[in-house]
All heavy atoms as atom14 arrays in JSON, in Angstrom:
{
  "sequence": "EKITPDITVSDGSVIMLGETKIKVLSTPGHTKGG",
  "atom14_mask": [
    [1, 1, 1, 1, 1, 1, 1, 1, 1, 0, 0, 0, 0, 0],
    [1, 1, 1, 1, 1, 1, 1, 1, 1, 0, 0, 0, 0, 0],
    [1, 1, 1, 1, 1, 1, 1, 1, 0, 0, 0, 0, 0, 0],
    [1, 1, 1, 1, 1, 1, 1, 0, 0, 0, 0, 0, 0, 0],
    [1, 1, 1, 1, 1, 1, 1, 0, 0, 0, 0, 0, 0, 0],
    [1, 1, 1, 1, 1, 1, 1, 1, 0, 0, 0, 0, 0, 0],
    [1, 1, 1, 1, 1, 1, 1, 1, 0, 0, 0, 0, 0, 0],
    [1, 1, 1, 1, 1, 1, 1, 0, 0, 0, 0, 0, 0, 0],
    [1, 1, 1, 1, 1, 1, 1, 0, 0, 0, 0, 0, 0, 0],
    [1, 1, 1, 1, 1, 1, 0, 0, 0, 0, 0, 0, 0, 0],
    [1, 1, 1, 1, 1, 1, 1, 1, 0, 0, 0, 0, 0, 0],
    [1, 1, 1, 1, 0, 0, 0, 0, 0, 0, 0, 0, 0, 0],
    [1, 1, 1, 1, 1, 1, 0, 0, 0, 0, 0, 0, 0, 0],
    [1, 1, 1, 1, 1, 1, 1, 0, 0, 0, 0, 0, 0, 0],
    [1, 1, 1, 1, 1, 1, 1, 1, 0, 0, 0, 0, 0, 0],
    [1, 1, 1, 1, 1, 1, 1, 1, 0, 0, 0, 0, 0, 0],
    [1, 1, 1, 1, 1, 1, 1, 1, 0, 0, 0, 0, 0, 0],
    [1, 1, 1, 1, 0, 0, 0, 0, 0, 0, 0, 0, 0, 0],
    [1, 1, 1, 1, 1, 1, 1, 1, 1, 0, 0, 0, 0, 0],
    [1, 1, 1, 1, 1, 1, 1, 0, 0, 0, 0, 0, 0, 0],
    [1, 1, 1, 1, 1, 1, 1, 1, 1, 0, 0, 0, 0, 0],
    [1, 1, 1, 1, 1, 1, 1, 1, 0, 0, 0, 0, 0, 0],
    [1, 1, 1, 1, 1, 1, 1, 1, 1, 0, 0, 0, 0, 0],
    [1, 1, 1, 1, 1, 1, 1, 0, 0, 0, 0, 0, 0, 0],
    [1, 1, 1, 1, 1, 1, 1, 1, 0, 0, 0, 0, 0, 0],
    [1, 1, 1, 1, 1, 1, 0, 0, 0, 0, 0, 0, 0, 0],
    [1, 1, 1, 1, 1, 1, 1, 0, 0, 0, 0, 0, 0, 0],
    [1, 1, 1, 1, 1, 1, 1, 0, 0, 0, 0, 0, 0, 0],
    [1, 1, 1, 1, 0, 0, 0, 0, 0, 0, 0, 0, 0, 0],
    [1, 1, 1, 1, 1, 1, 1, 1, 1, 1, 0, 0, 0, 0],
    [1, 1, 1, 1, 1, 1, 1, 0, 0, 0, 0, 0, 0, 0],
    [1, 1, 1, 1, 1, 1, 1, 1, 1, 0, 0, 0, 0, 0],
    [1, 1, 1, 1, 0, 0, 0, 0, 0, 0, 0, 0, 0, 0],
    [1, 1, 1, 1, 0, 0, 0, 0, 0, 0, 0, 0, 0, 0]
  ],
  "atom14_positions": [
    [[0.85, -1.19, 0.0], [0.0, 0.0, 0.0], [0.88, 1.24, 0.0], [1.85, 1.33, 0.76], [-0.88, 0.0, 1.25], [-1.93, 1.1, 1.27], [-2.86, 1.01, 2.46], [-2.86, -0.04, 3.14], [-3.58, 2.0, 2.71], [0.0, 0.0, 0.0], [0.0, 0.0, 0.0], [0.0, 0.0, 0.0], [0.0, 0.0, 0.0], [0.0, 0.0, 0.0]],
    [[0.57, 2.19, -0.87], [1.38, 3.39, -0.98], [1.27, 4.23, 0.3], [0.21, 4.36, 0.88], [0.96, 4.22, -2.19], [1.3, 3.56, -3.52], [0.97, 4.47, -4.69], [1.37, 3.83, -6.0], [1.09, 4.71, -7.17], [0.0, 0.0, 0.0], [0.0, 0.0, 0.0], [0.0, 0.0, 0.0], [0.0, 0.0, 0.0], [0.0, 0.0, 0.0]],
    [[2.4, 4.8, 0.68], [2.49, 5.59, 1.9], [3.12, 6.94, 1.58], [4.1, 7.01, 0.83], [3.36, 4.88, 2.96], [2.91, 3.43, 3.17], [3.35, 5.66, 4.28], [4.01, 2.54, 3.7], [0.0, 0.0, 0.0], [0.0, 0.0, 0.0], [0.0, 0.0, 0.0], [0.0, 0.0, 0.0], [0.0, 0.0, 0.0], [0.0, 0.0, 0.0]],
    [[2.58, 7.99, 2.14], [3.19, 9.31, 2.02], [3.86, 9.63, 3.35], [3.2, 9.68, 4.39], [2.14, 10.39, 1.71], [1.5, 10.07, 0.48], [2.79, 11.76, 1.6], [0.0, 0.0, 0.0], [0.0, 0.0, 0.0], [0.0, 0.0, 0.0], [0.0, 0.0, 0.0], [0.0, 0.0, 0.0], [0.0, 0.0, 0.0], [0.0, 0.0, 0.0]],
    [[5.18, 9.84, 3.35], [5.85, 10.16, 4.62], [5.42, 11.53, 5.12], [5.12, 12.43, 4.34], [7.33, 10.14, 4.25], [7.37, 10.42, 2.78], [6.12, 9.81, 2.22], [0.0, 0.0, 0.0], [0.0, 0.0, 0.0], [0.0, 0.0, 0.0], [0.0, 0.0, 0.0], [0.0, 0.0, 0.0], [0.0, 0.0, 0.0], [0.0, 0.0, 0.0]],
    [[5.41, 11.68, 6.43], [5.08, 12.96, 7.05], [6.31, 13.83, 7.24], [6.24, 15.05, 7.19], [4.4, 12.73, 8.41], [3.11, 11.95, 8.25], [2.11, 12.55, 7.84], [3.11, 10.73, 8.51], [0.0, 0.0, 0.0], [0.0, 0.0, 0.0], [0.0, 0.0, 0.0], [0.0, 0.0, 0.0], [0.0, 0.0, 0.0], [0.0, 0.0, 0.0]],
    [[7.45, 13.17, 7.46], [8.7, 13.89, 7.71], [9.81, 13.17, 6.95], [9.96, 11.95, 7.06], [9.05, 13.91, 9.21], [7.94, 14.6, 10.02], [10.39, 14.62, 9.45], [8.12, 14.47, 11.52], [0.0, 0.0, 0.0], [0.0, 0.0, 0.0], [0.0, 0.0, 0.0], [0.0, 0.0, 0.0], [0.0, 0.0, 0.0], [0.0, 0.0, 0.0]],
    [[10.56, 13.92, 6.15], [11.76, 13.35, 5.53], [12.98, 13.97, 6.22], [13.01, 15.17, 6.48], [11.81, 13.61, 4.02], [11.68, 15.01, 3.76], [10.7, 12.85, 3.31], [0.0, 0.0, 0.0], [0.0, 0.0, 0.0], [0.0, 0.0, 0.0], [0.0, 0.0, 0.0], [0.0, 0.0, 0.0], [0.0, 0.0, 0.0], [0.0, 0.0, 0.0]],
    [[13.95, 13.13, 6.49], [15.11, 13.56, 7.26], [16.39, 13.35, 6.46], [16.42, 12.63, 5.46], [15.21, 12.79, 8.6], [14.06, 13.16, 9.51], [15.26, 11.28, 8.36], [0.0, 0.0, 0.0], [0.0, 0.0, 0.0], [0.0, 0.0, 0.0], [0.0, 0.0, 0.0], [0.0, 0.0, 0.0], [0.0, 0.0, 0.0], [0.0, 0.0, 0.0]],
    [[17.44, 13.99, 6.93], [18.76, 13.85, 6.35], [19.78, 13.85, 7.48], [19.4, 13.96, 8.66], [19.04, 14.98, 5.35], [18.92, 16.24, 5.99], [0.0, 0.0, 0.0], [0.0, 0.0, 0.0], [0.0, 0.0, 0.0], [0.0, 0.0, 0.0], [0.0, 0.0, 0.0], [0.0, 0.0, 0.0], [0.0, 0.0, 0.0], [0.0, 0.0, 0.0]],
    [[21.04, 13.74, 7.14], [22.07, 13.68, 8.17], [22.02, 14.91, 9.08], [21.97, 16.05, 8.61], [23.45, 13.6, 7.51], [24.55, 13.32, 8.5], [24.42, 12.33, 9.24], [25.53, 14.09, 8.53], [0.0, 0.0, 0.0], [0.0, 0.0, 0.0], [0.0, 0.0, 0.0], [0.0, 0.0, 0.0], [0.0, 0.0, 0.0], [0.0, 0.0, 0.0]],
    [[21.98, 14.66, 10.38], [21.94, 15.74, 11.34], [20.56, 16.19, 11.76], [20.42, 16.99, 12.7], [0.0, 0.0, 0.0], [0.0, 0.0, 0.0], [0.0, 0.0, 0.0], [0.0, 0.0, 0.0], [0.0, 0.0, 0.0], [0.0, 0.0, 0.0], [0.0, 0.0, 0.0], [0.0, 0.0, 0.0], [0.0, 0.0, 0.0], [0.0, 0.0, 0.0]],
    [[19.53, 15.67, 11.09], [18.17, 16.01, 11.5], [17.93, 15.53, 12.93], [18.53, 14.56, 13.39], [17.14, 15.34, 10.58], [17.19, 15.85, 9.27], [0.0, 0.0, 0.0], [0.0, 0.0, 0.0], [0.0, 0.0, 0.0], [0.0, 0.0, 0.0], [0.0, 0.0, 0.0], [0.0, 0.0, 0.0], [0.0, 0.0, 0.0], [0.0, 0.0, 0.0]],
    [[17.04, 16.24, 13.63], [16.71, 15.88, 15.01], [15.2, 15.71, 15.12], [14.43, 16.55, 14.65], [17.19, 16.96, 16.0], [16.65, 16.69, 17.4], [18.71, 17.02, 16.02], [0.0, 0.0, 0.0], [0.0, 0.0, 0.0], [0.0, 0.0, 0.0], [0.0, 0.0, 0.0], [0.0, 0.0, 0.0], [0.0, 0.0, 0.0], [0.0, 0.0, 0.0]],
    [[14.79, 14.61, 15.71], [13.38, 14.35, 16.02], [13.24, 14.44, 17.54], [13.95, 13.74, 18.27], [12.94, 12.96, 15.53], [13.13, 12.8, 14.03], [11.5, 12.67, 15.94], [12.24, 13.68, 13.19], [0.0, 0.0, 0.0], [0.0, 0.0, 0.0], [0.0, 0.0, 0.0], [0.0, 0.0, 0.0], [0.0, 0.0, 0.0], [0.0, 0.0, 0.0]],
    [[12.33, 15.28, 18.01], [12.08, 15.38, 19.44], [10.88, 14.51, 19.8], [9.78, 14.71, 19.31], [11.83, 16.82, 19.85], [13.04, 17.72, 19.75], [14.49, 17.17, 20.7], [13.81, 17.11, 22.38], [0.0, 0.0, 0.0], [0.0, 0.0, 0.0], [0.0, 0.0, 0.0], [0.0, 0.0, 0.0], [0.0, 0.0, 0.0], [0.0, 0.0, 0.0]],
    [[11.12, 13.54, 20.66], [10.07, 12.68, 21.18], [9.87, 13.08, 22.64], [10.6, 12.62, 23.52], [10.47, 11.21, 21.06], [9.47, 10.18, 21.59], [8.21, 10.15, 20.72], [10.11, 8.8, 21.65], [0.0, 0.0, 0.0], [0.0, 0.0, 0.0], [0.0, 0.0, 0.0], [0.0, 0.0, 0.0], [0.0, 0.0, 0.0], [0.0, 0.0, 0.0]],
    [[8.93, 13.98, 22.87], [8.83, 14.55, 24.21], [10.12, 15.27, 24.53], [10.53, 16.18, 23.82], [0.0, 0.0, 0.0], [0.0, 0.0, 0.0], [0.0, 0.0, 0.0], [0.0, 0.0, 0.0], [0.0, 0.0, 0.0], [0.0, 0.0, 0.0], [0.0, 0.0, 0.0], [0.0, 0.0, 0.0], [0.0, 0.0, 0.0], [0.0, 0.0, 0.0]],
    [[10.79, 14.82, 25.6], [12.07, 15.43, 25.98], [13.28, 14.63, 25.47], [14.42, 14.99, 25.75], [12.14, 15.56, 27.5], [11.08, 16.51, 28.07], [11.21, 16.69, 29.56], [12.23, 16.23, 30.13], [10.3, 17.28, 30.16], [0.0, 0.0, 0.0], [0.0, 0.0, 0.0], [0.0, 0.0, 0.0], [0.0, 0.0, 0.0], [0.0, 0.0, 0.0]],
    [[13.01, 13.57, 24.72], [14.09, 12.73, 24.19], [14.49, 13.21, 22.8], [13.66, 13.31, 21.9], [13.66, 11.26, 24.11], [13.33, 10.79, 25.43], [14.76, 10.39, 23.54], [0.0, 0.0, 0.0], [0.0, 0.0, 0.0], [0.0, 0.0, 0.0], [0.0, 0.0, 0.0], [0.0, 0.0, 0.0], [0.0, 0.0, 0.0], [0.0, 0.0, 0.0]],
    [[15.77, 13.51, 22.66], [16.32, 13.99, 21.4], [16.84, 12.81, 20.59], [17.71, 12.06, 21.05], [17.45, 14.99, 21.68], [18.12, 15.57, 20.45], [19.21, 16.55, 20.87], [19.93, 17.14, 19.67], [21.0, 18.1, 20.09], [0.0, 0.0, 0.0], [0.0, 0.0, 0.0], [0.0, 0.0, 0.0], [0.0, 0.0, 0.0], [0.0, 0.0, 0.0]],
    [[16.31, 12.63, 19.39], [16.72, 11.55, 18.51], [17.43, 12.16, 17.31], [16.84, 12.91, 16.54], [15.51, 10.71, 18.05], [14.75, 10.15, 19.26], [15.96, 9.59, 17.12], [13.45, 9.45, 18.91], [0.0, 0.0, 0.0], [0.0, 0.0, 0.0], [0.0, 0.0, 0.0], [0.0, 0.0, 0.0], [0.0, 0.0, 0.0], [0.0, 0.0, 0.0]],
    [[18.7, 11.84, 17.17], [19.51, 12.41, 16.08], [19.61, 11.41, 14.93], [19.77, 10.21, 15.15], [20.9, 12.77, 16.59], [21.77, 13.45, 15.55], [23.13, 13.82, 16.12], [24.01, 14.5, 15.06], [25.34, 14.85, 15.6], [0.0, 0.0, 0.0], [0.0, 0.0, 0.0], [0.0, 0.0, 0.0], [0.0, 0.0, 0.0], [0.0, 0.0, 0.0]],
    [[19.53, 11.93, 13.71], [19.6, 11.11, 12.51], [21.04, 11.12, 11.97], [21.63, 12.18, 11.78], [18.64, 11.63, 11.43], [18.77, 10.8, 10.16], [17.2, 11.61, 11.94], [0.0, 0.0, 0.0], [0.0, 0.0, 0.0], [0.0, 0.0, 0.0], [0.0, 0.0, 0.0], [0.0, 0.0, 0.0], [0.0, 0.0, 0.0], [0.0, 0.0, 0.0]],
    [[21.58, 9.93, 11.74], [22.88, 9.78, 11.1], [22.67, 9.13, 9.74], [22.08, 8.04, 9.65], [23.81, 8.91, 11.94], [24.14, 9.35, 13.36], [25.14, 8.38, 13.98], [24.72, 10.75, 13.37], [0.0, 0.0, 0.0], [0.0, 0.0, 0.0], [0.0, 0.0, 0.0], [0.0, 0.0, 0.0], [0.0, 0.0, 0.0], [0.0, 0.0, 0.0]],
    [[23.14, 9.76, 8.7], [23.06, 9.17, 7.36], [24.1, 8.07, 7.23], [25.29, 8.29, 7.44], [23.31, 10.26, 6.31], [23.31, 9.69, 5.01], [0.0, 0.0, 0.0], [0.0, 0.0, 0.0], [0.0, 0.0, 0.0], [0.0, 0.0, 0.0], [0.0, 0.0, 0.0], [0.0, 0.0, 0.0], [0.0, 0.0, 0.0], [0.0, 0.0, 0.0]],
    [[23.63, 6.84, 6.91], [24.54, 5.7, 6.78], [24.18, 4.89, 5.53], [23.68, 3.77, 5.61], [24.48, 4.79, 8.03], [23.11, 4.44, 8.3], [25.06, 5.5, 9.24], [0.0, 0.0, 0.0], [0.0, 0.0, 0.0], [0.0, 0.0, 0.0], [0.0, 0.0, 0.0], [0.0, 0.0, 0.0], [0.0, 0.0, 0.0], [0.0, 0.0, 0.0]],
    [[24.42, 5.46, 4.36], [24.09, 4.76, 3.12], [24.98, 3.54, 2.9], [26.03, 3.39, 3.53], [24.35, 5.82, 2.04], [25.4, 6.7, 2.64], [25.06, 6.76, 4.11], [0.0, 0.0, 0.0], [0.0, 0.0, 0.0], [0.0, 0.0, 0.0], [0.0, 0.0, 0.0], [0.0, 0.0, 0.0], [0.0, 0.0, 0.0], [0.0, 0.0, 0.0]],
    [[24.54, 2.68, 2.0], [25.3, 1.49, 1.67], [24.39, 0.31, 1.44], [24.43, -0.33, 0.39], [0.0, 0.0, 0.0], [0.0, 0.0, 0.0], [0.0, 0.0, 0.0], [0.0, 0.0, 0.0], [0.0, 0.0, 0.0], [0.0, 0.0, 0.0], [0.0, 0.0, 0.0], [0.0, 0.0, 0.0], [0.0, 0.0, 0.0], [0.0, 0.0, 0.0]],
    [[23.54, 0.0, 2.42], [22.52, -1.04, 2.22], [21.44, -0.5, 1.28], [21.0, -1.2, 0.36], [21.92, -1.44, 3.57], [20.87, -2.5, 3.47], [21.14, -3.78, 3.03], [19.54, -2.46, 3.76], [20.02, -4.49, 3.05], [19.03, -3.72, 3.48], [0.0, 0.0, 0.0], [0.0, 0.0, 0.0], [0.0, 0.0, 0.0], [0.0, 0.0, 0.0]],
    [[21.02, 0.73, 1.51], [20.21, 1.49, 0.57], [20.84, 2.88, 0.45], [21.67, 3.26, 1.27], [18.75, 1.64, 1.02], [18.71, 2.43, 2.23], [18.08, 0.3, 1.26], [0.0, 0.0, 0.0], [0.0, 0.0, 0.0], [0.0, 0.0, 0.0], [0.0, 0.0, 0.0], [0.0, 0.0, 0.0], [0.0, 0.0, 0.0], [0.0, 0.0, 0.0]],
    [[20.42, 3.61, -0.55], [20.97, 4.94, -0.75], [20.65, 5.87, 0.42], [21.43, 6.75, 0.77], [20.42, 5.54, -2.05], [21.02, 6.89, -2.43], [22.52, 6.8, -2.64], [22.89, 5.98, -3.85], [24.37, 5.99, -4.11], [0.0, 0.0, 0.0], [0.0, 0.0, 0.0], [0.0, 0.0, 0.0], [0.0, 0.0, 0.0], [0.0, 0.0, 0.0]],
    [[19.5, 5.67, 1.04], [19.07, 6.57, 2.1], [18.99, 5.94, 3.47], [18.22, 6.39, 4.33], [0.0, 0.0, 0.0], [0.0, 0.0, 0.0], [0.0, 0.0, 0.0], [0.0, 0.0, 0.0], [0.0, 0.0, 0.0], [0.0, 0.0, 0.0], [0.0, 0.0, 0.0], [0.0, 0.0, 0.0], [0.0, 0.0, 0.0], [0.0, 0.0, 0.0]],
    [[19.77, 4.9, 3.72], [19.76, 4.27, 5.04], [20.2, 5.24, 6.12], [21.13, 6.04, 5.92], [0.0, 0.0, 0.0], [0.0, 0.0, 0.0], [0.0, 0.0, 0.0], [0.0, 0.0, 0.0], [0.0, 0.0, 0.0], [0.0, 0.0, 0.0], [0.0, 0.0, 0.0], [0.0, 0.0, 0.0], [0.0, 0.0, 0.0], [0.0, 0.0, 0.0]]
  ]
}
């Protein structure tokens, strides 16, 4: 089923989950956008 993402991220992006800071690290290789 087709899905539209709500948030697209890149290296260094930060997602705040309440008071928890989740940092995105770009690690391509398995896929281009892993």
